[in-house]
Amino acid sequence: MPKTILRQSHNKKIYQLKITLHDSKPPIWRRVLVHSNIQLDRLHQVIQIAFGGRIAICTHSGKERFST
């Protein structure tokens, strides 16, 4: 869930997201800025870039796969 609306330009809000990898010790997290109208596939790309492209994704079958 977005924590902060940082600024608004041309009716587009910009959200600051803190994304933490589940069960990471020590916690591994990134903070990113995204427009409020970002599409899910683009948000996925932003997250992959923020974490260096090595994020495990749970598929519908419950099995993990690595997205690159």
Protein backbone atom coordinates (compact mmCIF):
# COMPACT_ATOMS: atom_id res chain seq x y z
CA MET A 1 0.00 0.00 0.00
CA PRO A 2 1.36 3.44 -0.89
CA LYS A 3 2.70 5.25 2.13
CA THR A 4 3.18 8.77 0.86
CA ILE A 5 1.93 10.92 -1.95
CA LEU A 6 5.02 12.97 -2.70
CA ARG A 7 3.79 15.30 -5.40
CA GLN A 8 1.09 15.78 -7.94
CA SER A 9 1.63 16.92 -11.53
CA HIS A 10 -0.96 17.19 -14.29
CA ASN A 11 -3.52 15.25 -12.20
CA LYS A 12 -1.09 12.33 -11.72
CA LYS A 13 -0.10 11.49 -8.18
CA ILE A 14 3.33 10.04 -7.45
CA TYR A 15 3.48 7.37 -4.75
CA GLN A 16 6.48 6.27 -2.73
CA LEU A 17 6.42 2.50 -2.21
CA LYS A 18 8.56 0.51 0.20
CA ILE A 19 8.90 -3.05 -1.09
CA THR A 20 10.34 -5.70 1.24
CA LEU A 21 11.24 -9.26 0.28
CA HIS A 22 9.30 -11.75 2.38
CA ASP A 23 11.32 -13.75 4.94
CA SER A 24 14.64 -12.05 4.18
CA LYS A 25 17.14 -11.84 7.02
CA PRO A 26 18.36 -9.13 7.27
CA PRO A 27 15.42 -7.36 5.64
CA ILE A 28 15.98 -6.60 1.98
CA TRP A 29 13.92 -3.67 0.78
CA ARG A 30 13.78 -0.91 -1.82
CA ARG A 31 11.93 2.38 -1.96
CA VAL A 32 10.58 3.39 -5.39
CA LEU A 33 8.54 6.26 -6.79
CA VAL A 34 5.71 5.47 -9.23
CA HIS A 35 2.86 7.33 -10.89
CA SER A 36 -0.60 6.53 -9.53
CA ASN A 37 -1.72 5.28 -12.95
CA ILE A 38 1.12 2.77 -13.43
CA GLN A 39 0.08 -0.47 -15.11
CA LEU A 40 0.71 -3.75 -13.27
CA ASP A 41 3.13 -5.07 -15.90
CA ARG A 42 5.17 -1.86 -15.72
CA LEU A 43 5.18 -1.97 -11.88
CA HIS A 44 6.53 -5.52 -12.16
CA GLN A 45 9.37 -4.22 -14.33
CA VAL A 46 10.13 -1.42 -11.85
CA ILE A 47 10.32 -3.94 -8.99
CA GLN A 48 12.56 -6.28 -11.02
CA ILE A 49 14.93 -3.43 -11.85
CA ALA A 50 14.99 -2.20 -8.25
CA PHE A 51 16.04 -5.65 -7.02
CA GLY A 52 18.45 -6.42 -9.85
CA GLY A 53 16.09 -8.75 -11.73
CA ARG A 54 16.36 -11.77 -9.41
CA ILE A 55 12.97 -11.96 -7.72
CA ALA A 56 11.18 -15.28 -7.21
CA ILE A 57 7.55 -15.12 -8.28
CA CYS A 58 4.92 -17.54 -6.96
CA THR A 59 2.88 -18.89 -9.84
CA HIS A 60 -0.76 -19.96 -9.63
CA SER A 61 0.40 -23.53 -9.08
CA GLY A 62 2.20 -22.44 -5.90
CA LYS A 63 5.62 -23.22 -7.37
CA GLU A 64 8.32 -20.58 -7.43
CA ARG A 65 9.98 -19.43 -10.59
CA PHE A 66 12.61 -16.76 -11.08
CA SER A 67 11.74 -13.80 -13.20
CA THR A 68 14.58 -12.15 -15.11
